[in-house]
mmCIF file of all heavy atoms, coordinates in Angstrom:
data_MODEL
# 
_entry.id   MODEL 
# 
loop_
_atom_site.group_PDB 
_atom_site.id 
_atom_site.type_symbol 
_atom_site.label_atom_id 
_atom_site.label_alt_id 
_atom_site.label_comp_id 
_atom_site.label_asym_id 
_atom_site.label_entity_id 
_atom_site.label_seq_id 
_atom_site.pdbx_PDB_ins_code 
_atom_site.Cartn_x 
_atom_site.Cartn_y 
_atom_site.Cartn_z 
_atom_site.occupancy 
_atom_site.B_iso_or_equiv 
_atom_site.pdbx_formal_charge 
_atom_site.auth_seq_id 
_atom_site.auth_comp_id 
_atom_site.auth_asym_id 
_atom_site.auth_atom_id 
_atom_site.pdbx_PDB_model_num 
ATOM 1   N N   . ARG A 1 1  ? -67.224 90.458 -5.768 1.00 0.00 ? 1  ARG A N   1 
ATOM 2   C CA  . ARG A 1 1  ? -68.051 89.348 -5.282 1.00 0.00 ? 1  ARG A CA  1 
ATOM 3   C C   . ARG A 1 1  ? -67.264 88.504 -4.285 1.00 0.00 ? 1  ARG A C   1 
ATOM 4   O O   . ARG A 1 1  ? -66.048 88.448 -4.325 1.00 0.00 ? 1  ARG A O   1 
ATOM 5   C CB  . ARG A 1 1  ? -68.516 88.478 -6.439 1.00 0.00 ? 1  ARG A CB  1 
ATOM 6   C CG  . ARG A 1 1  ? -69.358 89.257 -7.442 1.00 0.00 ? 1  ARG A CG  1 
ATOM 7   C CD  . ARG A 1 1  ? -70.179 88.320 -8.275 1.00 0.00 ? 1  ARG A CD  1 
ATOM 8   N NE  . ARG A 1 1  ? -71.085 89.013 -9.163 1.00 0.00 ? 1  ARG A NE  1 
ATOM 9   C CZ  . ARG A 1 1  ? -72.276 89.465 -8.824 1.00 0.00 ? 1  ARG A CZ  1 
ATOM 10  N NH1 . ARG A 1 1  ? -72.710 89.325 -7.610 1.00 0.00 ? 1  ARG A NH1 1 
ATOM 11  N NH2 . ARG A 1 1  ? -73.046 90.069 -9.717 1.00 0.00 ? 1  ARG A NH2 1 
ATOM 12  N N   . THR A 1 2  ? -68.000 87.841 -3.389 1.00 0.00 ? 2  THR A N   1 
ATOM 13  C CA  . THR A 1 2  ? -67.404 86.979 -2.369 1.00 0.00 ? 2  THR A CA  1 
ATOM 14  C C   . THR A 1 2  ? -68.124 85.648 -2.401 1.00 0.00 ? 2  THR A C   1 
ATOM 15  O O   . THR A 1 2  ? -69.340 85.591 -2.576 1.00 0.00 ? 2  THR A O   1 
ATOM 16  C CB  . THR A 1 2  ? -67.561 87.621 -0.971 1.00 0.00 ? 2  THR A CB  1 
ATOM 17  O OG1 . THR A 1 2  ? -66.945 88.912 -0.985 1.00 0.00 ? 2  THR A OG1 1 
ATOM 18  C CG2 . THR A 1 2  ? -66.908 86.774 0.105  1.00 0.00 ? 2  THR A CG2 1 
ATOM 19  N N   . TRP A 1 3  ? -67.364 84.540 -2.218 1.00 0.00 ? 3  TRP A N   1 
ATOM 20  C CA  . TRP A 1 3  ? -67.959 83.210 -2.190 1.00 0.00 ? 3  TRP A CA  1 
ATOM 21  C C   . TRP A 1 3  ? -67.078 82.268 -1.391 1.00 0.00 ? 3  TRP A C   1 
ATOM 22  O O   . TRP A 1 3  ? -65.930 82.551 -1.099 1.00 0.00 ? 3  TRP A O   1 
ATOM 23  C CB  . TRP A 1 3  ? -68.224 82.686 -3.600 1.00 0.00 ? 3  TRP A CB  1 
ATOM 24  C CG  . TRP A 1 3  ? -67.014 82.404 -4.436 1.00 0.00 ? 3  TRP A CG  1 
ATOM 25  C CD1 . TRP A 1 3  ? -66.445 81.178 -4.675 1.00 0.00 ? 3  TRP A CD1 1 
ATOM 26  C CD2 . TRP A 1 3  ? -66.218 83.338 -5.169 1.00 0.00 ? 3  TRP A CD2 1 
ATOM 27  N NE1 . TRP A 1 3  ? -65.359 81.306 -5.499 1.00 0.00 ? 3  TRP A NE1 1 
ATOM 28  C CE2 . TRP A 1 3  ? -65.199 82.618 -5.828 1.00 0.00 ? 3  TRP A CE2 1 
ATOM 29  C CE3 . TRP A 1 3  ? -66.266 84.722 -5.341 1.00 0.00 ? 3  TRP A CE3 1 
ATOM 30  C CZ2 . TRP A 1 3  ? -64.235 83.229 -6.633 1.00 0.00 ? 3  TRP A CZ2 1 
ATOM 31  C CZ3 . TRP A 1 3  ? -65.303 85.325 -6.145 1.00 0.00 ? 3  TRP A CZ3 1 
ATOM 32  C CH2 . TRP A 1 3  ? -64.310 84.588 -6.770 1.00 0.00 ? 3  TRP A CH2 1 
ATOM 33  N N   . GLY A 1 4  ? -67.660 81.135 -1.027 1.00 0.00 ? 4  GLY A N   1 
ATOM 34  C CA  . GLY A 1 4  ? -66.928 80.126 -0.278 1.00 0.00 ? 4  GLY A CA  1 
ATOM 35  C C   . GLY A 1 4  ? -66.625 78.927 -1.161 1.00 0.00 ? 4  GLY A C   1 
ATOM 36  O O   . GLY A 1 4  ? -67.384 78.606 -2.082 1.00 0.00 ? 4  GLY A O   1 
ATOM 37  N N   . ARG A 1 5  ? -65.515 78.271 -0.860 1.00 0.00 ? 5  ARG A N   1 
ATOM 38  C CA  . ARG A 1 5  ? -65.121 77.081 -1.602 1.00 0.00 ? 5  ARG A CA  1 
ATOM 39  C C   . ARG A 1 5  ? -64.495 76.093 -0.631 1.00 0.00 ? 5  ARG A C   1 
ATOM 40  O O   . ARG A 1 5  ? -63.709 76.476 0.232  1.00 0.00 ? 5  ARG A O   1 
ATOM 41  C CB  . ARG A 1 5  ? -64.128 77.439 -2.692 1.00 0.00 ? 5  ARG A CB  1 
ATOM 42  C CG  . ARG A 1 5  ? -63.693 76.237 -3.530 1.00 0.00 ? 5  ARG A CG  1 
ATOM 43  C CD  . ARG A 1 5  ? -62.703 76.618 -4.592 1.00 0.00 ? 5  ARG A CD  1 
ATOM 44  N NE  . ARG A 1 5  ? -63.342 77.414 -5.634 1.00 0.00 ? 5  ARG A NE  1 
ATOM 45  C CZ  . ARG A 1 5  ? -62.683 78.088 -6.573 1.00 0.00 ? 5  ARG A CZ  1 
ATOM 46  N NH1 . ARG A 1 5  ? -61.357 78.066 -6.585 1.00 0.00 ? 5  ARG A NH1 1 
ATOM 47  N NH2 . ARG A 1 5  ? -63.326 78.781 -7.480 1.00 0.00 ? 5  ARG A NH2 1 
ATOM 48  N N   . SER A 1 6  ? -64.831 74.831 -0.812 1.00 0.00 ? 6  SER A N   1 
ATOM 49  C CA  . SER A 1 6  ? -64.214 73.770 -0.035 1.00 0.00 ? 6  SER A CA  1 
ATOM 50  C C   . SER A 1 6  ? -63.674 72.718 -0.989 1.00 0.00 ? 6  SER A C   1 
ATOM 51  O O   . SER A 1 6  ? -64.416 72.175 -1.814 1.00 0.00 ? 6  SER A O   1 
ATOM 52  C CB  . SER A 1 6  ? -65.223 73.140 0.931  1.00 0.00 ? 6  SER A CB  1 
ATOM 53  O OG  . SER A 1 6  ? -64.575 72.236 1.786  1.00 0.00 ? 6  SER A OG  1 
ATOM 54  N N   . TYR A 1 7  ? -62.368 72.491 -0.910 1.00 0.00 ? 7  TYR A N   1 
ATOM 55  C CA  . TYR A 1 7  ? -61.727 71.415 -1.656 1.00 0.00 ? 7  TYR A CA  1 
ATOM 56  C C   . TYR A 1 7  ? -61.757 70.187 -0.751 1.00 0.00 ? 7  TYR A C   1 
ATOM 57  O O   . TYR A 1 7  ? -61.504 70.301 0.443  1.00 0.00 ? 7  TYR A O   1 
ATOM 58  C CB  . TYR A 1 7  ? -60.265 71.754 -1.964 1.00 0.00 ? 7  TYR A CB  1 
ATOM 59  C CG  . TYR A 1 7  ? -60.082 72.987 -2.804 1.00 0.00 ? 7  TYR A CG  1 
ATOM 60  C CD1 . TYR A 1 7  ? -59.819 74.217 -2.209 1.00 0.00 ? 7  TYR A CD1 1 
ATOM 61  C CD2 . TYR A 1 7  ? -60.153 72.912 -4.185 1.00 0.00 ? 7  TYR A CD2 1 
ATOM 62  C CE1 . TYR A 1 7  ? -59.638 75.356 -2.980 1.00 0.00 ? 7  TYR A CE1 1 
ATOM 63  C CE2 . TYR A 1 7  ? -59.968 74.051 -4.965 1.00 0.00 ? 7  TYR A CE2 1 
ATOM 64  C CZ  . TYR A 1 7  ? -59.710 75.264 -4.358 1.00 0.00 ? 7  TYR A CZ  1 
ATOM 65  O OH  . TYR A 1 7  ? -59.533 76.377 -5.123 1.00 0.00 ? 7  TYR A OH  1 
ATOM 66  N N   . TYR A 1 8  ? -62.036 69.029 -1.318 1.00 0.00 ? 8  TYR A N   1 
ATOM 67  C CA  . TYR A 1 8  ? -62.121 67.829 -0.482 1.00 0.00 ? 8  TYR A CA  1 
ATOM 68  C C   . TYR A 1 8  ? -61.607 66.599 -1.218 1.00 0.00 ? 8  TYR A C   1 
ATOM 69  O O   . TYR A 1 8  ? -61.500 66.582 -2.440 1.00 0.00 ? 8  TYR A O   1 
ATOM 70  C CB  . TYR A 1 8  ? -63.569 67.588 -0.035 1.00 0.00 ? 8  TYR A CB  1 
ATOM 71  C CG  . TYR A 1 8  ? -64.519 67.352 -1.187 1.00 0.00 ? 8  TYR A CG  1 
ATOM 72  C CD1 . TYR A 1 8  ? -64.632 66.100 -1.786 1.00 0.00 ? 8  TYR A CD1 1 
ATOM 73  C CD2 . TYR A 1 8  ? -65.272 68.391 -1.693 1.00 0.00 ? 8  TYR A CD2 1 
ATOM 74  C CE1 . TYR A 1 8  ? -65.470 65.900 -2.857 1.00 0.00 ? 8  TYR A CE1 1 
ATOM 75  C CE2 . TYR A 1 8  ? -66.114 68.190 -2.757 1.00 0.00 ? 8  TYR A CE2 1 
ATOM 76  C CZ  . TYR A 1 8  ? -66.215 66.941 -3.339 1.00 0.00 ? 8  TYR A CZ  1 
ATOM 77  O OH  . TYR A 1 8  ? -67.039 66.743 -4.408 1.00 0.00 ? 8  TYR A OH  1 
ATOM 78  N N   . ARG A 1 9  ? -61.338 65.583 -0.432 1.00 0.00 ? 9  ARG A N   1 
ATOM 79  C CA  . ARG A 1 9  ? -61.023 64.243 -0.923 1.00 0.00 ? 9  ARG A CA  1 
ATOM 80  C C   . ARG A 1 9  ? -61.735 63.276 0.008  1.00 0.00 ? 9  ARG A C   1 
ATOM 81  O O   . ARG A 1 9  ? -61.467 63.251 1.202  1.00 0.00 ? 9  ARG A O   1 
ATOM 82  C CB  . ARG A 1 9  ? -59.525 63.999 -0.926 1.00 0.00 ? 9  ARG A CB  1 
ATOM 83  C CG  . ARG A 1 9  ? -59.186 62.607 -1.461 1.00 0.00 ? 9  ARG A CG  1 
ATOM 84  C CD  . ARG A 1 9  ? -57.746 62.469 -1.762 1.00 0.00 ? 9  ARG A CD  1 
ATOM 85  N NE  . ARG A 1 9  ? -57.506 63.252 -2.976 1.00 0.00 ? 9  ARG A NE  1 
ATOM 86  C CZ  . ARG A 1 9  ? -56.315 63.494 -3.479 1.00 0.00 ? 9  ARG A CZ  1 
ATOM 87  N NH1 . ARG A 1 9  ? -55.256 63.027 -2.888 1.00 0.00 ? 9  ARG A NH1 1 
ATOM 88  N NH2 . ARG A 1 9  ? -56.181 64.199 -4.564 1.00 0.00 ? 9  ARG A NH2 1 
ATOM 89  N N   . ASN A 1 10 ? -62.664 62.510 -0.546 1.00 0.00 ? 10 ASN A N   1 
ATOM 90  C CA  . ASN A 1 10 ? -63.473 61.584 0.245  1.00 0.00 ? 10 ASN A CA  1 
ATOM 91  C C   . ASN A 1 10 ? -62.849 60.196 0.221  1.00 0.00 ? 10 ASN A C   1 
ATOM 92  O O   . ASN A 1 10 ? -63.046 59.433 -0.717 1.00 0.00 ? 10 ASN A O   1 
ATOM 93  C CB  . ASN A 1 10 ? -64.905 61.541 -0.306 1.00 0.00 ? 10 ASN A CB  1 
ATOM 94  C CG  . ASN A 1 10 ? -65.779 60.580 0.460  1.00 0.00 ? 10 ASN A CG  1 
ATOM 95  O OD1 . ASN A 1 10 ? -65.385 60.023 1.474  1.00 0.00 ? 10 ASN A OD1 1 
ATOM 96  N ND2 . ASN A 1 10 ? -66.984 60.377 -0.021 1.00 0.00 ? 10 ASN A ND2 1 
ATOM 97  N N   . THR A 1 11 ? -62.135 59.861 1.252  1.00 0.00 ? 11 THR A N   1 
ATOM 98  C CA  . THR A 1 11 ? -61.504 58.550 1.359  1.00 0.00 ? 11 THR A CA  1 
ATOM 99  C C   . THR A 1 11 ? -62.302 57.604 2.252  1.00 0.00 ? 11 THR A C   1 
ATOM 100 O O   . THR A 1 11 ? -61.816 56.540 2.613  1.00 0.00 ? 11 THR A O   1 
ATOM 101 C CB  . THR A 1 11 ? -60.072 58.692 1.913  1.00 0.00 ? 11 THR A CB  1 
ATOM 102 O OG1 . THR A 1 11 ? -60.141 59.339 3.189  1.00 0.00 ? 11 THR A OG1 1 
ATOM 103 C CG2 . THR A 1 11 ? -59.198 59.503 0.970  1.00 0.00 ? 11 THR A CG2 1 
ATOM 104 N N   . SER A 1 12 ? -63.536 57.977 2.591  1.00 0.00 ? 12 SER A N   1 
ATOM 105 C CA  . SER A 1 12 ? -64.351 57.179 3.515  1.00 0.00 ? 12 SER A CA  1 
ATOM 106 C C   . SER A 1 12 ? -64.909 55.910 2.883  1.00 0.00 ? 12 SER A C   1 
ATOM 107 O O   . SER A 1 12 ? -65.335 55.007 3.594  1.00 0.00 ? 12 SER A O   1 
ATOM 108 C CB  . SER A 1 12 ? -65.512 58.021 4.055  1.00 0.00 ? 12 SER A CB  1 
ATOM 109 O OG  . SER A 1 12 ? -66.477 58.233 3.038  1.00 0.00 ? 12 SER A OG  1 
ATOM 110 N N   . GLY A 1 13 ? -64.967 55.877 1.547  1.00 0.00 ? 13 GLY A N   1 
ATOM 111 C CA  . GLY A 1 13 ? -65.498 54.708 0.875  1.00 0.00 ? 13 GLY A CA  1 
ATOM 112 C C   . GLY A 1 13 ? -67.009 54.724 0.705  1.00 0.00 ? 13 GLY A C   1 
ATOM 113 O O   . GLY A 1 13 ? -67.594 53.750 0.246  1.00 0.00 ? 13 GLY A O   1 
ATOM 114 N N   . ARG A 1 14 ? -67.662 55.813 1.096  1.00 0.00 ? 14 ARG A N   1 
ATOM 115 C CA  . ARG A 1 14 ? -69.119 55.920 0.924  1.00 0.00 ? 14 ARG A CA  1 
ATOM 116 C C   . ARG A 1 14 ? -69.503 57.342 0.560  1.00 0.00 ? 14 ARG A C   1 
ATOM 117 O O   . ARG A 1 14 ? -68.774 58.287 0.861  1.00 0.00 ? 14 ARG A O   1 
ATOM 118 C CB  . ARG A 1 14 ? -69.835 55.473 2.190  1.00 0.00 ? 14 ARG A CB  1 
ATOM 119 C CG  . ARG A 1 14 ? -69.452 56.277 3.405  1.00 0.00 ? 14 ARG A CG  1 
ATOM 120 C CD  . ARG A 1 14 ? -70.079 55.703 4.640  1.00 0.00 ? 14 ARG A CD  1 
ATOM 121 N NE  . ARG A 1 14 ? -69.484 56.318 5.802  1.00 0.00 ? 14 ARG A NE  1 
ATOM 122 C CZ  . ARG A 1 14 ? -69.812 56.016 7.028  1.00 0.00 ? 14 ARG A CZ  1 
ATOM 123 N NH1 . ARG A 1 14 ? -70.724 55.105 7.254  1.00 0.00 ? 14 ARG A NH1 1 
ATOM 124 N NH2 . ARG A 1 14 ? -69.241 56.611 8.038  1.00 0.00 ? 14 ARG A NH2 1 
ATOM 125 N N   . PRO A 1 15 ? -70.649 57.499 -0.113 1.00 0.00 ? 15 PRO A N   1 
ATOM 126 C CA  . PRO A 1 15 ? -71.093 58.847 -0.465 1.00 0.00 ? 15 PRO A CA  1 
ATOM 127 C C   . PRO A 1 15 ? -71.379 59.667 0.794  1.00 0.00 ? 15 PRO A C   1 
ATOM 128 O O   . PRO A 1 15 ? -71.845 59.129 1.797  1.00 0.00 ? 15 PRO A O   1 
ATOM 129 C CB  . PRO A 1 15 ? -72.384 58.616 -1.253 1.00 0.00 ? 15 PRO A CB  1 
ATOM 130 C CG  . PRO A 1 15 ? -72.396 57.182 -1.621 1.00 0.00 ? 15 PRO A CG  1 
ATOM 131 C CD  . PRO A 1 15 ? -71.559 56.469 -0.610 1.00 0.00 ? 15 PRO A CD  1 
ATOM 132 N N   . LEU A 1 16 ? -71.107 60.961 0.711  1.00 0.00 ? 16 LEU A N   1 
ATOM 133 C CA  . LEU A 1 16 ? -71.329 61.872 1.832  1.00 0.00 ? 16 LEU A CA  1 
ATOM 134 C C   . LEU A 1 16 ? -72.110 63.087 1.356  1.00 0.00 ? 16 LEU A C   1 
ATOM 135 O O   . LEU A 1 16 ? -72.336 63.266 0.160  1.00 0.00 ? 16 LEU A O   1 
ATOM 136 C CB  . LEU A 1 16 ? -69.990 62.321 2.418  1.00 0.00 ? 16 LEU A CB  1 
ATOM 137 C CG  . LEU A 1 16 ? -69.058 61.230 2.918  1.00 0.00 ? 16 LEU A CG  1 
ATOM 138 C CD1 . LEU A 1 16 ? -67.727 61.831 3.331  1.00 0.00 ? 16 LEU A CD1 1 
ATOM 139 C CD2 . LEU A 1 16 ? -69.684 60.453 4.049  1.00 0.00 ? 16 LEU A CD2 1 
ATOM 140 N N   . GLU A 1 17 ? -72.505 63.910 2.301  1.00 0.00 ? 17 GLU A N   1 
ATOM 141 C CA  . GLU A 1 17 ? -73.135 65.182 1.996  1.00 0.00 ? 17 GLU A CA  1 
ATOM 142 C C   . GLU A 1 17 ? -72.357 66.280 2.700  1.00 0.00 ? 17 GLU A C   1 
ATOM 143 O O   . GLU A 1 17 ? -71.920 66.110 3.835  1.00 0.00 ? 17 GLU A O   1 
ATOM 144 C CB  . GLU A 1 17 ? -74.581 65.194 2.477  1.00 0.00 ? 17 GLU A CB  1 
ATOM 145 C CG  . GLU A 1 17 ? -75.312 66.464 2.099  1.00 0.00 ? 17 GLU A CG  1 
ATOM 146 C CD  . GLU A 1 17 ? -76.779 66.385 2.439  1.00 0.00 ? 17 GLU A CD  1 
ATOM 147 O OE1 . GLU A 1 17 ? -77.126 66.747 3.579  1.00 0.00 ? 17 GLU A OE1 1 
ATOM 148 O OE2 . GLU A 1 17 ? -77.562 65.965 1.575  1.00 0.00 ? 17 GLU A OE2 1 
ATOM 149 N N   . ALA A 1 18 ? -72.185 67.404 2.009  1.00 0.00 ? 18 ALA A N   1 
ATOM 150 C CA  . ALA A 1 18 ? -71.504 68.556 2.609  1.00 0.00 ? 18 ALA A CA  1 
ATOM 151 C C   . ALA A 1 18 ? -72.464 69.734 2.636  1.00 0.00 ? 18 ALA A C   1 
ATOM 152 O O   . ALA A 1 18 ? -73.284 69.908 1.726  1.00 0.00 ? 18 ALA A O   1 
ATOM 153 C CB  . ALA A 1 18 ? -70.266 68.929 1.805  1.00 0.00 ? 18 ALA A CB  1 
ATOM 154 N N   . VAL A 1 19 ? -72.348 70.541 3.677  1.00 0.00 ? 19 VAL A N   1 
ATOM 155 C CA  . VAL A 1 19 ? -73.044 71.813 3.761  1.00 0.00 ? 19 VAL A CA  1 
ATOM 156 C C   . VAL A 1 19 ? -71.967 72.874 3.909  1.00 0.00 ? 19 VAL A C   1 
ATOM 157 O O   . VAL A 1 19 ? -71.190 72.842 4.861  1.00 0.00 ? 19 VAL A O   1 
ATOM 158 C CB  . VAL A 1 19 ? -74.029 71.865 4.949  1.00 0.00 ? 19 VAL A CB  1 
ATOM 159 C CG1 . VAL A 1 19 ? -74.660 73.246 5.055  1.00 0.00 ? 19 VAL A CG1 1 
ATOM 160 C CG2 . VAL A 1 19 ? -75.092 70.786 4.818  1.00 0.00 ? 19 VAL A CG2 1 
ATOM 161 N N   . LEU A 1 20 ? -71.902 73.782 2.940  1.00 0.00 ? 20 LEU A N   1 
ATOM 162 C CA  . LEU A 1 20 ? -70.919 74.860 2.942  1.00 0.00 ? 20 LEU A CA  1 
ATOM 163 C C   . LEU A 1 20 ? -71.653 76.168 3.219  1.00 0.00 ? 20 LEU A C   1 
ATOM 164 O O   . LEU A 1 20 ? -72.615 76.505 2.528  1.00 0.00 ? 20 LEU A O   1 
ATOM 165 C CB  . LEU A 1 20 ? -70.204 74.929 1.590  1.00 0.00 ? 20 LEU A CB  1 
ATOM 166 C CG  . LEU A 1 20 ? -69.228 76.086 1.375  1.00 0.00 ? 20 LEU A CG  1 
ATOM 167 C CD1 . LEU A 1 20 ? -68.111 76.096 2.415  1.00 0.00 ? 20 LEU A CD1 1 
ATOM 168 C CD2 . LEU A 1 20 ? -68.665 76.026 -0.033 1.00 0.00 ? 20 LEU A CD2 1 
ATOM 169 N N   . THR A 1 21 ? -71.193 76.879 4.246  1.00 0.00 ? 21 THR A N   1 
ATOM 170 C CA  . THR A 1 21 ? -71.823 78.131 4.654  1.00 0.00 ? 21 THR A CA  1 
ATOM 171 C C   . THR A 1 21 ? -70.796 79.250 4.658  1.00 0.00 ? 21 THR A C   1 
ATOM 172 O O   . THR A 1 21 ? -69.706 79.088 5.206  1.00 0.00 ? 21 THR A O   1 
ATOM 173 C CB  . THR A 1 21 ? -72.428 78.003 6.070  1.00 0.00 ? 21 THR A CB  1 
ATOM 174 O OG1 . THR A 1 21 ? -73.317 76.887 6.096  1.00 0.00 ? 21 THR A OG1 1 
ATOM 175 C CG2 . THR A 1 21 ? -73.175 79.259 6.470  1.00 0.00 ? 21 THR A CG2 1 
ATOM 176 N N   . VAL A 1 22 ? -71.155 80.380 4.040  1.00 0.00 ? 22 VAL A N   1 
ATOM 177 C CA  . VAL A 1 22 ? -70.337 81.590 4.097  1.00 0.00 ? 22 VAL A CA  1 
ATOM 178 C C   . VAL A 1 22 ? -71.088 82.588 4.973  1.00 0.00 ? 22 VAL A C   1 
ATOM 179 O O   . VAL A 1 22 ? -72.275 82.831 4.764  1.00 0.00 ? 22 VAL A O   1 
ATOM 180 C CB  . VAL A 1 22 ? -70.096 82.195 2.706  1.00 0.00 ? 22 VAL A CB  1 
ATOM 181 C CG1 . VAL A 1 22 ? -69.362 83.523 2.808  1.00 0.00 ? 22 VAL A CG1 1 
ATOM 182 C CG2 . VAL A 1 22 ? -69.325 81.234 1.841  1.00 0.00 ? 22 VAL A CG2 1 
ATOM 183 N N   . MET A 1 23 ? -70.389 83.120 5.963  1.00 0.00 ? 23 MET A N   1 
ATOM 184 C CA  . MET A 1 23 ? -70.969 84.104 6.871  1.00 0.00 ? 23 MET A CA  1 
ATOM 185 C C   . MET A 1 23 ? -70.311 85.452 6.621  1.00 0.00 ? 23 MET A C   1 
ATOM 186 O O   . MET A 1 23 ? -69.094 85.533 6.533  1.00 0.00 ? 23 MET A O   1 
ATOM 187 C CB  . MET A 1 23 ? -70.762 83.657 8.312  1.00 0.00 ? 23 MET A CB  1 
ATOM 188 C CG  . MET A 1 23 ? -71.543 82.373 8.615  1.00 0.00 ? 23 MET A CG  1 
ATOM 189 S SD  . MET A 1 23 ? -70.759 81.268 9.795  1.00 0.00 ? 23 MET A SD  1 
ATOM 190 C CE  . MET A 1 23 ? -69.374 80.650 8.879  1.00 0.00 ? 23 MET A CE  1 
ATOM 191 N N   . GLY A 1 24 ? -71.144 86.482 6.487  1.00 0.00 ? 24 GLY A N   1 
ATOM 192 C CA  . GLY A 1 24 ? -70.639 87.814 6.186  1.00 0.00 ? 24 GLY A CA  1 
ATOM 193 C C   . GLY A 1 24 ? -71.132 88.835 7.181  1.00 0.00 ? 24 GLY A C   1 
ATOM 194 O O   . GLY A 1 24 ? -71.726 88.500 8.207  1.00 0.00 ? 24 GLY A O   1 
ATOM 195 N N   . PRO A 1 25 ? -70.907 90.104 6.872  1.00 0.00 ? 25 PRO A N   1 
ATOM 196 C CA  . PRO A 1 25 ? -71.310 91.181 7.773  1.00 0.00 ? 25 PRO A CA  1 
ATOM 197 C C   . PRO A 1 25 ? -72.821 91.221 7.977  1.00 0.00 ? 25 PRO A C   1 
ATOM 198 O O   . PRO A 1 25 ? -73.592 90.766 7.124  1.00 0.00 ? 25 PRO A O   1 
ATOM 199 C CB  . PRO A 1 25 ? -70.823 92.443 7.067  1.00 0.00 ? 25 PRO A CB  1 
ATOM 200 C CG  . PRO A 1 25 ? -70.174 92.041 5.810  1.00 0.00 ? 25 PRO A CG  1 
ATOM 201 C CD  . PRO A 1 25 ? -70.295 90.577 5.658  1.00 0.00 ? 25 PRO A CD  1 
ATOM 202 N N   . ALA A 1 26 ? -73.234 91.757 9.110  1.00 0.00 ? 26 ALA A N   1 
ATOM 203 C CA  . ALA A 1 26 ? -74.645 91.959 9.460  1.00 0.00 ? 26 ALA A CA  1 
ATOM 204 C C   . ALA A 1 26 ? -75.438 90.657 9.483  1.00 0.00 ? 26 ALA A C   1 
ATOM 205 O O   . ALA A 1 26 ? -76.622 90.645 9.188  1.00 0.00 ? 26 ALA A O   1 
ATOM 206 C CB  . ALA A 1 26 ? -75.292 92.967 8.511  1.00 0.00 ? 26 ALA A CB  1 
ATOM 207 N N   . GLY A 1 27 ? -74.769 89.555 9.824  1.00 0.00 ? 27 GLY A N   1 
ATOM 208 C CA  . GLY A 1 27 ? -75.453 88.279 9.957  1.00 0.00 ? 27 GLY A CA  1 
ATOM 209 C C   . GLY A 1 27 ? -75.880 87.635 8.654  1.00 0.00 ? 27 GLY A C   1 
ATOM 210 O O   . GLY A 1 27 ? -76.648 86.686 8.655  1.00 0.00 ? 27 GLY A O   1 
# 
């Protein structure tokens, strides 16, 4: 199996939204 992961630290002081995309073969 294959998957994407993003580790983060939000120091902005406000809630945020993230969009994580994994791109593989054949689009």
